[in-house]
Amino acid sequence: MQKLATILASLFFILSVIPLIAFMTYWGAAMVELFNRVTLFIPIAFGVIGLLVSLIKVKGWAKGWLIAANLLSICGWGLLLFVAIFGFQAP
């Protein structure tokens, strides 16, 4: 069960970081549009789910790394979405 929880938390972290990495590639526009069609908040949702799984189920040295990684992902996406929603409004 520990191994499955570690894999799930890692998977949700990777899913929350994929759109950010796709911004940096030339082929990533289609992937970013796929995430944006569903909702802008999907990477934050993946980060929160990964954080909850790592807080509740994961034990050992991986717990600290997964918590830090998912928190960094949530904070990064929160900052980007804050700027996108409130920073680009016309005066």
PDB file of N, CA and C in Angstrom:
ATOM      1  N   MET A   1       0.814  -1.196   0.000  1.00  0.00           N
ATOM      2  CA  MET A   1       0.000   0.000   0.000  1.00  0.00           C
ATOM      3  C   MET A   1       0.855   1.256   0.000  1.00  0.00           C
ATOM      4  N   GLN A   2       2.004   1.199   0.685  1.00  0.00           N
ATOM      5  CA  GLN A   2       2.900   2.353   0.734  1.00  0.00           C
ATOM      6  C   GLN A   2       3.438   2.676  -0.652  1.00  0.00           C
ATOM      7  N   LYS A   3       3.795   1.641  -1.379  1.00  0.00           N
ATOM      8  CA  LYS A   3       4.354   1.849  -2.710  1.00  0.00           C
ATOM      9  C   LYS A   3       3.312   2.446  -3.650  1.00  0.00           C
ATOM     10  N   LEU A   4       2.080   1.987  -3.552  1.00  0.00           N
ATOM     11  CA  LEU A   4       1.001   2.523  -4.383  1.00  0.00           C
ATOM     12  C   LEU A   4       0.741   3.986  -4.059  1.00  0.00           C
ATOM     13  N   ALA A   5       0.756   4.337  -2.781  1.00  0.00           N
ATOM     14  CA  ALA A   5       0.533   5.725  -2.392  1.00  0.00           C
ATOM     15  C   ALA A   5       1.663   6.622  -2.878  1.00  0.00           C
ATOM     16  N   THR A   6       2.884   6.133  -2.812  1.00  0.00           N
ATOM     17  CA  THR A   6       4.023   6.908  -3.310  1.00  0.00           C
ATOM     18  C   THR A   6       3.921   7.114  -4.815  1.00  0.00           C
ATOM     19  N   ILE A   7       3.522   6.075  -5.516  1.00  0.00           N
ATOM     20  CA  ILE A   7       3.355   6.180  -6.970  1.00  0.00           C
ATOM     21  C   ILE A   7       2.230   7.151  -7.309  1.00  0.00           C
ATOM     22  N   LEU A   8       1.110   7.084  -6.580  1.00  0.00           N
ATOM     23  CA  LEU A   8      -0.009   7.997  -6.841  1.00  0.00           C
ATOM     24  C   LEU A   8       0.365   9.447  -6.570  1.00  0.00           C
ATOM     25  N   ALA A   9       1.028   9.703  -5.458  1.00  0.00           N
ATOM     26  CA  ALA A   9       1.436  11.067  -5.138  1.00  0.00           C
ATOM     27  C   ALA A   9       2.419  11.596  -6.174  1.00  0.00           C
ATOM     28  N   SER A  10       3.333  10.750  -6.621  1.00  0.00           N
ATOM     29  CA  SER A  10       4.282  11.155  -7.658  1.00  0.00           C
ATOM     30  C   SER A  10       3.578  11.409  -8.983  1.00  0.00           C
ATOM     31  N   LEU A  11       2.616  10.558  -9.316  1.00  0.00           N
ATOM     32  CA  LEU A  11       1.861  10.722 -10.550  1.00  0.00           C
ATOM     33  C   LEU A  11       1.083  12.035 -10.553  1.00  0.00           C
ATOM     34  N   PHE A  12       0.436  12.365  -9.443  1.00  0.00           N
ATOM     35  CA  PHE A  12      -0.313  13.621  -9.385  1.00  0.00           C
ATOM     36  C   PHE A  12       0.616  14.828  -9.434  1.00  0.00           C
ATOM     37  N   PHE A  13       1.817  14.706  -8.871  1.00  0.00           N
ATOM     38  CA  PHE A  13       2.784  15.786  -8.997  1.00  0.00           C
ATOM     39  C   PHE A  13       3.198  15.967 -10.451  1.00  0.00           C
ATOM     40  N   ILE A  14       3.482  14.868 -11.128  1.00  0.00           N
ATOM     41  CA  ILE A  14       3.878  14.947 -12.537  1.00  0.00           C
ATOM     42  C   ILE A  14       2.749  15.523 -13.381  1.00  0.00           C
ATOM     43  N   LEU A  15       1.506  15.126 -13.100  1.00  0.00           N
ATOM     44  CA  LEU A  15       0.371  15.669 -13.839  1.00  0.00           C
ATOM     45  C   LEU A  15       0.191  17.160 -13.597  1.00  0.00           C
ATOM     46  N   SER A  16       0.560  17.639 -12.422  1.00  0.00           N
ATOM     47  CA  SER A  16       0.429  19.069 -12.166  1.00  0.00           C
ATOM     48  C   SER A  16       1.563  19.872 -12.788  1.00  0.00           C
ATOM     49  N   VAL A  17       2.682  19.228 -13.088  1.00  0.00           N
ATOM     50  CA  VAL A  17       3.828  19.935 -13.658  1.00  0.00           C
ATOM     51  C   VAL A  17       3.860  19.851 -15.186  1.00  0.00           C
ATOM     52  N   ILE A  18       3.151  18.905 -15.773  1.00  0.00           N
ATOM     53  CA  ILE A  18       3.173  18.728 -17.235  1.00  0.00           C
ATOM     54  C   ILE A  18       2.799  20.008 -17.989  1.00  0.00           C
ATOM     55  N   PRO A  19       1.734  20.730 -17.640  1.00  0.00           N
ATOM     56  CA  PRO A  19       1.431  21.954 -18.400  1.00  0.00           C
ATOM     57  C   PRO A  19       2.525  23.013 -18.280  1.00  0.00           C
ATOM     58  N   LEU A  20       3.181  23.086 -17.144  1.00  0.00           N
ATOM     59  CA  LEU A  20       4.253  24.056 -16.969  1.00  0.00           C
ATOM     60  C   LEU A  20       5.442  23.713 -17.865  1.00  0.00           C
ATOM     61  N   ILE A  21       5.766  22.452 -17.958  1.00  0.00           N
ATOM     62  CA  ILE A  21       6.848  22.023 -18.841  1.00  0.00           C
ATOM     63  C   ILE A  21       6.434  22.192 -20.300  1.00  0.00           C
ATOM     64  N   ALA A  22       5.154  21.983 -20.591  1.00  0.00           N
ATOM     65  CA  ALA A  22       4.676  22.122 -21.964  1.00  0.00           C
ATOM     66  C   ALA A  22       4.758  23.568 -22.447  1.00  0.00           C
ATOM     67  N   PHE A  23       4.694  24.537 -21.541  1.00  0.00           N
ATOM     68  CA  PHE A  23       4.860  25.930 -21.925  1.00  0.00           C
ATOM     69  C   PHE A  23       6.239  26.173 -22.543  1.00  0.00           C
ATOM     70  N   MET A  24       7.226  25.382 -22.142  1.00  0.00           N
ATOM     71  CA  MET A  24       8.600  25.609 -22.568  1.00  0.00           C
ATOM     72  C   MET A  24       8.980  24.858 -23.843  1.00  0.00           C
ATOM     73  N   THR A  25       8.056  24.132 -24.431  1.00  0.00           N
ATOM     74  CA  THR A  25       8.364  23.381 -25.637  1.00  0.00           C
ATOM     75  C   THR A  25       7.537  23.917 -26.797  1.00  0.00           C
ATOM     76  N   TYR A  26       7.974  23.617 -27.993  1.00  0.00           N
ATOM     77  CA  TYR A  26       7.239  24.089 -29.166  1.00  0.00           C
ATOM     78  C   TYR A  26       6.012  23.233 -29.455  1.00  0.00           C
ATOM     79  N   TRP A  27       5.992  21.987 -28.991  1.00  0.00           N
ATOM     80  CA  TRP A  27       4.857  21.105 -29.226  1.00  0.00           C
ATOM     81  C   TRP A  27       3.835  21.161 -28.091  1.00  0.00           C
ATOM     82  N   GLY A  28       4.099  21.948 -27.065  1.00  0.00           N
ATOM     83  CA  GLY A  28       3.269  21.946 -25.879  1.00  0.00           C
ATOM     84  C   GLY A  28       1.987  22.743 -25.967  1.00  0.00           C
ATOM     85  N   ALA A  29       1.793  23.506 -27.046  1.00  0.00           N
ATOM     86  CA  ALA A  29       0.589  24.331 -27.148  1.00  0.00           C
ATOM     87  C   ALA A  29      -0.680  23.474 -27.147  1.00  0.00           C
ATOM     88  N   ALA A  30      -0.639  22.341 -27.796  1.00  0.00           N
ATOM     89  CA  ALA A  30      -1.814  21.460 -27.829  1.00  0.00           C
ATOM     90  C   ALA A  30      -2.115  20.899 -26.446  1.00  0.00           C
ATOM     91  N   MET A  31      -1.084  20.557 -25.705  1.00  0.00           N
ATOM     92  CA  MET A  31      -1.284  20.009 -24.365  1.00  0.00           C
ATOM     93  C   MET A  31      -1.828  21.074 -23.416  1.00  0.00           C
ATOM     94  N   VAL A  32      -1.305  22.284 -23.526  1.00  0.00           N
ATOM     95  CA  VAL A  32      -1.785  23.370 -22.681  1.00  0.00           C
ATOM     96  C   VAL A  32      -3.237  23.687 -23.006  1.00  0.00           C
ATOM     97  N   GLU A  33      -3.594  23.663 -24.286  1.00  0.00           N
ATOM     98  CA  GLU A  33      -4.987  23.899 -24.658  1.00  0.00           C
ATOM     99  C   GLU A  33      -5.912  22.811 -24.146  1.00  0.00           C
ATOM    100  N   LEU A  34      -5.442  21.583 -24.116  1.00  0.00           N
ATOM    101  CA  LEU A  34      -6.239  20.487 -23.574  1.00  0.00           C
ATOM    102  C   LEU A  34      -6.568  20.737 -22.110  1.00  0.00           C
ATOM    103  N   PHE A  35      -5.563  21.150 -21.323  1.00  0.00           N
ATOM    104  CA  PHE A  35      -5.802  21.449 -19.916  1.00  0.00           C
ATOM    105  C   PHE A  35      -6.694  22.677 -19.760  1.00  0.00           C
ATOM    106  N   ASN A  36      -6.526  23.678 -20.617  1.00  0.00           N
ATOM    107  CA  ASN A  36      -7.309  24.904 -20.494  1.00  0.00           C
ATOM    108  C   ASN A  36      -8.757  24.710 -20.921  1.00  0.00           C
ATOM    109  N   ARG A  37      -9.018  23.751 -21.812  1.00  0.00           N
ATOM    110  CA  ARG A  37     -10.402  23.493 -22.208  1.00  0.00           C
ATOM    111  C   ARG A  37     -11.219  22.948 -21.046  1.00  0.00           C
ATOM    112  N   VAL A  38     -10.594  22.128 -20.239  1.00  0.00           N
ATOM    113  CA  VAL A  38     -11.302  21.554 -19.095  1.00  0.00           C
ATOM    114  C   VAL A  38     -11.490  22.632 -18.036  1.00  0.00           C
ATOM    115  N   THR A  39     -10.401  23.133 -17.481  1.00  0.00           N
ATOM    116  CA  THR A  39     -10.430  24.239 -16.538  1.00  0.00           C
ATOM    117  C   THR A  39      -9.004  24.708 -16.273  1.00  0.00           C
ATOM    118  N   LEU A  40      -8.859  25.941 -15.881  1.00  0.00           N
ATOM    119  CA  LEU A  40      -7.534  26.474 -15.557  1.00  0.00           C
ATOM    120  C   LEU A  40      -6.994  25.910 -14.256  1.00  0.00           C
ATOM    121  N   PHE A  41      -7.884  25.437 -13.408  1.00  0.00           N
ATOM    122  CA  PHE A  41      -7.499  25.025 -12.064  1.00  0.00           C
ATOM    123  C   PHE A  41      -7.140  23.550 -11.951  1.00  0.00           C
ATOM    124  N   ILE A  42      -7.082  22.837 -13.066  1.00  0.00           N
ATOM    125  CA  ILE A  42      -6.774  21.404 -13.017  1.00  0.00           C
ATOM    126  C   ILE A  42      -5.383  21.118 -12.458  1.00  0.00           C
ATOM    127  N   PRO A  43      -4.325  21.870 -12.786  1.00  0.00           N
ATOM    128  CA  PRO A  43      -3.031  21.570 -12.172  1.00  0.00           C
ATOM    129  C   PRO A  43      -3.027  21.778 -10.656  1.00  0.00           C
ATOM    130  N   ILE A  44      -3.772  22.762 -10.175  1.00  0.00           N
ATOM    131  CA  ILE A  44      -3.870  22.967  -8.732  1.00  0.00           C
ATOM    132  C   ILE A  44      -4.622  21.804  -8.091  1.00  0.00           C
ATOM    133  N   ALA A  45      -5.658  21.324  -8.749  1.00  0.00           N
ATOM    134  CA  ALA A  45      -6.411  20.184  -8.216  1.00  0.00           C
ATOM    135  C   ALA A  45      -5.528  18.941  -8.143  1.00  0.00           C
ATOM    136  N   PHE A  46      -4.712  18.702  -9.179  1.00  0.00           N
ATOM    137  CA  PHE A  46      -3.786  17.567  -9.148  1.00  0.00           C
ATOM    138  C   PHE A  46      -2.775  17.730  -8.021  1.00  0.00           C
ATOM    139  N   GLY A  47      -2.299  18.947  -7.809  1.00  0.00           N
ATOM    140  CA  GLY A  47      -1.350  19.194  -6.735  1.00  0.00           C
ATOM    141  C   GLY A  47      -1.954  18.960  -5.363  1.00  0.00           C
ATOM    142  N   VAL A  48      -3.200  19.394  -5.190  1.00  0.00           N
ATOM    143  CA  VAL A  48      -3.874  19.203  -3.897  1.00  0.00           C
ATOM    144  C   VAL A  48      -4.124  17.722  -3.643  1.00  0.00           C
ATOM    145  N   ILE A  49      -4.547  16.992  -4.660  1.00  0.00           N
ATOM    146  CA  ILE A  49      -4.772  15.554  -4.490  1.00  0.00           C
ATOM    147  C   ILE A  49      -3.456  14.851  -4.158  1.00  0.00           C
ATOM    148  N   GLY A  50      -2.381  15.210  -4.863  1.00  0.00           N
ATOM    149  CA  GLY A  50      -1.075  14.624  -4.570  1.00  0.00           C
ATOM    150  C   GLY A  50      -0.601  14.960  -3.168  1.00  0.00           C
ATOM    151  N   LEU A  51      -0.868  16.187  -2.721  1.00  0.00           N
ATOM    152  CA  LEU A  51      -0.494  16.586  -1.365  1.00  0.00           C
ATOM    153  C   LEU A  51      -1.274  15.797  -0.327  1.00  0.00           C
ATOM    154  N   LEU A  52      -2.565  15.628  -0.537  1.00  0.00           N
ATOM    155  CA  LEU A  52      -3.379  14.865   0.411  1.00  0.00           C
ATOM    156  C   LEU A  52      -2.946  13.404   0.486  1.00  0.00           C
ATOM    157  N   VAL A  53      -2.669  12.815  -0.665  1.00  0.00           N
ATOM    158  CA  VAL A  53      -2.219  11.413  -0.670  1.00  0.00           C
ATOM    159  C   VAL A  53      -0.889  11.289   0.046  1.00  0.00           C
ATOM    160  N   SER A  54       0.020  12.232  -0.203  1.00  0.00           N
ATOM    161  CA  SER A  54       1.331  12.130   0.439  1.00  0.00           C
ATOM    162  C   SER A  54       1.262  12.438   1.933  1.00  0.00           C
ATOM    163  N   LEU A  55       0.354  13.282   2.356  1.00  0.00           N
ATOM    164  CA  LEU A  55       0.197  13.564   3.788  1.00  0.00           C
ATOM    165  C   LEU A  55      -0.392  12.387   4.542  1.00  0.00           C
ATOM    166  N   ILE A  56      -1.358  11.713   3.936  1.00  0.00           N
ATOM    167  CA  ILE A  56      -2.104  10.676   4.642  1.00  0.00           C
ATOM    168  C   ILE A  56      -1.431   9.306   4.538  1.00  0.00           C
ATOM    169  N   LYS A  57      -0.997   8.913   3.362  1.00  0.00           N
ATOM    170  CA  LYS A  57      -0.603   7.525   3.143  1.00  0.00           C
ATOM    171  C   LYS A  57       0.895   7.269   3.084  1.00  0.00           C
ATOM    172  N   VAL A  58       1.685   8.213   2.582  1.00  0.00           N
ATOM    173  CA  VAL A  58       3.102   7.948   2.354  1.00  0.00           C
ATOM    174  C   VAL A  58       3.875   8.053   3.666  1.00  0.00           C
ATOM    175  N   LYS A  59       4.821   7.160   3.845  1.00  0.00           N
ATOM    176  CA  LYS A  59       5.691   7.180   5.025  1.00  0.00           C
ATOM    177  C   LYS A  59       7.148   7.150   4.562  1.00  0.00           C
ATOM    178  N   GLY A  60       8.032   7.541   5.444  1.00  0.00           N
ATOM    179  CA  GLY A  60       9.454   7.453   5.147  1.00  0.00           C
ATOM    180  C   GLY A  60      10.009   8.716   4.518  1.00  0.00           C
ATOM    181  N   TRP A  61      11.165   8.571   3.872  1.00  0.00           N
ATOM    182  CA  TRP A  61      11.868   9.715   3.314  1.00  0.00           C
ATOM    183  C   TRP A  61      11.124  10.331   2.137  1.00  0.00           C
ATOM    184  N   ALA A  62      10.329   9.544   1.423  1.00  0.00           N
ATOM    185  CA  ALA A  62       9.610  10.067   0.257  1.00  0.00           C
ATOM    186  C   ALA A  62       8.518  11.050   0.651  1.00  0.00           C
ATOM    187  N   LYS A  63       8.024  10.944   1.882  1.00  0.00           N
ATOM    188  CA  LYS A  63       6.939  11.813   2.320  1.00  0.00           C
ATOM    189  C   LYS A  63       7.348  13.282   2.278  1.00  0.00           C
ATOM    190  N   GLY A  64       8.512  13.589   2.799  1.00  0.00           N
ATOM    191  CA  GLY A  64       8.974  14.975   2.818  1.00  0.00           C
ATOM    192  C   GLY A  64       9.173  15.544   1.428  1.00  0.00           C
ATOM    193  N   TRP A  65       9.765  14.745   0.546  1.00  0.00           N
ATOM    194  CA  TRP A  65       9.993  15.207  -0.815  1.00  0.00           C
ATOM    195  C   TRP A  65       8.688  15.414  -1.572  1.00  0.00           C
ATOM    196  N   LEU A  66       7.746  14.501  -1.407  1.00  0.00           N
ATOM    197  CA  LEU A  66       6.479  14.632  -2.117  1.00  0.00           C
ATOM    198  C   LEU A  66       5.651  15.789  -1.576  1.00  0.00           C
ATOM    199  N   ILE A  67       5.687  16.007  -0.281  1.00  0.00           N
ATOM    200  CA  ILE A  67       4.970  17.152   0.290  1.00  0.00           C
ATOM    201  C   ILE A  67       5.565  18.456  -0.227  1.00  0.00           C
ATOM    202  N   ALA A  68       6.895  18.560  -0.215  1.00  0.00           N
ATOM    203  CA  ALA A  68       7.551  19.767  -0.695  1.00  0.00           C
ATOM    204  C   ALA A  68       7.285  20.001  -2.188  1.00  0.00           C
ATOM    205  N   ALA A  69       7.352  18.948  -2.974  1.00  0.00           N
ATOM    206  CA  ALA A  69       7.133  19.080  -4.414  1.00  0.00           C
ATOM    207  C   ALA A  69       5.698  19.498  -4.720  1.00  0.00           C
ATOM    208  N   ASN A  70       4.730  18.867  -4.064  1.00  0.00           N
ATOM    209  CA  ASN A  70       3.337  19.220  -4.320  1.00  0.00           C
ATOM    210  C   ASN A  70       3.002  20.616  -3.802  1.00  0.00           C
ATOM    211  N   LEU A  71       3.579  21.007  -2.673  1.00  0.00           N
ATOM    212  CA  LEU A  71       3.364  22.371  -2.189  1.00  0.00           C
ATOM    213  C   LEU A  71       3.972  23.401  -3.133  1.00  0.00           C
ATOM    214  N   LEU A  72       5.140  23.112  -3.653  1.00  0.00           N
ATOM    215  CA  LEU A  72       5.770  24.008  -4.614  1.00  0.00           C
ATOM    216  C   LEU A  72       4.927  24.130  -5.877  1.00  0.00           C
ATOM    217  N   SER A  73       4.375  23.029  -6.323  1.00  0.00           N
ATOM    218  CA  SER A  73       3.505  23.042  -7.499  1.00  0.00           C
ATOM    219  C   SER A  73       2.240  23.859  -7.244  1.00  0.00           C
ATOM    220  N   ILE A  74       1.621  23.662  -6.095  1.00  0.00           N
ATOM    221  CA  ILE A  74       0.401  24.407  -5.763  1.00  0.00           C
ATOM    222  C   ILE A  74       0.687  25.903  -5.666  1.00  0.00           C
ATOM    223  N   CYS A  75       1.763  26.269  -4.994  1.00  0.00           N
ATOM    224  CA  CYS A  75       2.110  27.688  -4.854  1.00  0.00           C
ATOM    225  C   CYS A  75       2.467  28.312  -6.201  1.00  0.00           C
ATOM    226  N   GLY A  76       3.216  27.591  -7.021  1.00  0.00           N
ATOM    227  CA  GLY A  76       3.586  28.104  -8.340  1.00  0.00           C
ATOM    228  C   GLY A  76       2.384  28.333  -9.231  1.00  0.00           C
ATOM    229  N   TRP A  77       1.498  27.347  -9.286  1.00  0.00           N
ATOM    230  CA  TRP A  77       0.295  27.505 -10.099  1.00  0.00           C
ATOM    231  C   TRP A  77      -0.642  28.554  -9.523  1.00  0.00           C
ATOM    232  N   GLY A  78      -0.696  28.639  -8.189  1.00  0.00           N
ATOM    233  CA  GLY A  78      -1.517  29.683  -7.580  1.00  0.00           C
ATOM    234  C   GLY A  78      -1.032  31.067  -7.956  1.00  0.00           C
ATOM    235  N   LEU A  79       0.277  31.276  -7.943  1.00  0.00           N
ATOM    236  CA  LEU A  79       0.842  32.562  -8.339  1.00  0.00           C
ATOM    237  C   LEU A  79       0.579  32.854  -9.807  1.00  0.00           C
ATOM    238  N   LEU A  80       0.799  31.864 -10.672  1.00  0.00           N
ATOM    239  CA  LEU A  80       0.538  32.069 -12.099  1.00  0.00           C
ATOM    240  C   LEU A  80      -0.925  32.376 -12.379  1.00  0.00           C
ATOM    241  N   LEU A  81      -1.824  31.668 -11.726  1.00  0.00           N
ATOM    242  CA  LEU A  81      -3.245  31.917 -11.949  1.00  0.00           C
ATOM    243  C   LEU A  81      -3.682  33.253 -11.367  1.00  0.00           C
ATOM    244  N   PHE A  82      -3.101  33.667 -10.252  1.00  0.00           N
ATOM    245  CA  PHE A  82      -3.414  34.975  -9.687  1.00  0.00           C
ATOM    246  C   PHE A  82      -3.011  36.083 -10.658  1.00  0.00           C
ATOM    247  N   VAL A  83      -1.828  35.961 -11.223  1.00  0.00           N
ATOM    248  CA  VAL A  83      -1.377  36.961 -12.196  1.00  0.00           C
ATOM    249  C   VAL A  83      -2.240  36.919 -13.445  1.00  0.00           C
ATOM    250  N   ALA A  84      -2.600  35.722 -13.893  1.00  0.00           N
ATOM    251  CA  ALA A  84      -3.406  35.601 -15.106  1.00  0.00           C
ATOM    252  C   ALA A  84      -4.815  36.136 -14.910  1.00  0.00           C
ATOM    253  N   ILE A  85      -5.379  35.927 -13.756  1.00  0.00           N
ATOM    254  CA  ILE A  85      -6.761  36.361 -13.526  1.00  0.00           C
ATOM    255  C   ILE A  85      -6.857  37.841 -13.180  1.00  0.00           C
ATOM    256  N   PHE A  86      -5.987  38.309 -12.257  1.00  0.00           N
ATOM    257  CA  PHE A  86      -6.106  39.670 -11.791  1.00  0.00           C
ATOM    258  C   PHE A  86      -5.073  40.622 -12.378  1.00  0.00           C
ATOM    259  N   GLY A  87      -3.961  40.115 -12.841  1.00  0.00           N
ATOM    260  CA  GLY A  87      -2.893  40.980 -13.317  1.00  0.00           C
ATOM    261  C   GLY A  87      -3.089  41.497 -14.733  1.00  0.00           C
ATOM    262  N   PHE A  88      -3.815  40.774 -15.548  1.00  0.00           N
ATOM    263  CA  PHE A  88      -3.970  41.153 -16.942  1.00  0.00           C
ATOM    264  C   PHE A  88      -5.324  41.799 -17.234  1.00  0.00           C
ATOM    265  N   GLN A  89      -5.985  42.303 -16.225  1.00  0.00           N
ATOM    266  CA  GLN A  89      -7.252  42.982 -16.447  1.00  0.00           C
ATOM    267  C   GLN A  89      -6.999  44.371 -16.993  1.00  0.00           C
ATOM    268  N   ALA A  90      -7.841  44.797 -17.898  1.00  0.00           N
ATOM    269  CA  ALA A  90      -7.691  46.122 -18.490  1.00  0.00           C
ATOM    270  C   ALA A  90      -8.084  47.182 -17.459  1.00  0.00           C
ATOM    271  N   PRO A  91      -7.325  48.278 -17.394  1.00  0.00           N
ATOM    272  CA  PRO A  91      -7.653  49.331 -16.400  1.00  0.00           C
ATOM    273  C   PRO A  91      -8.913  50.094 -16.744  1.00  0.00           C
TER     274      PRO A  91
END
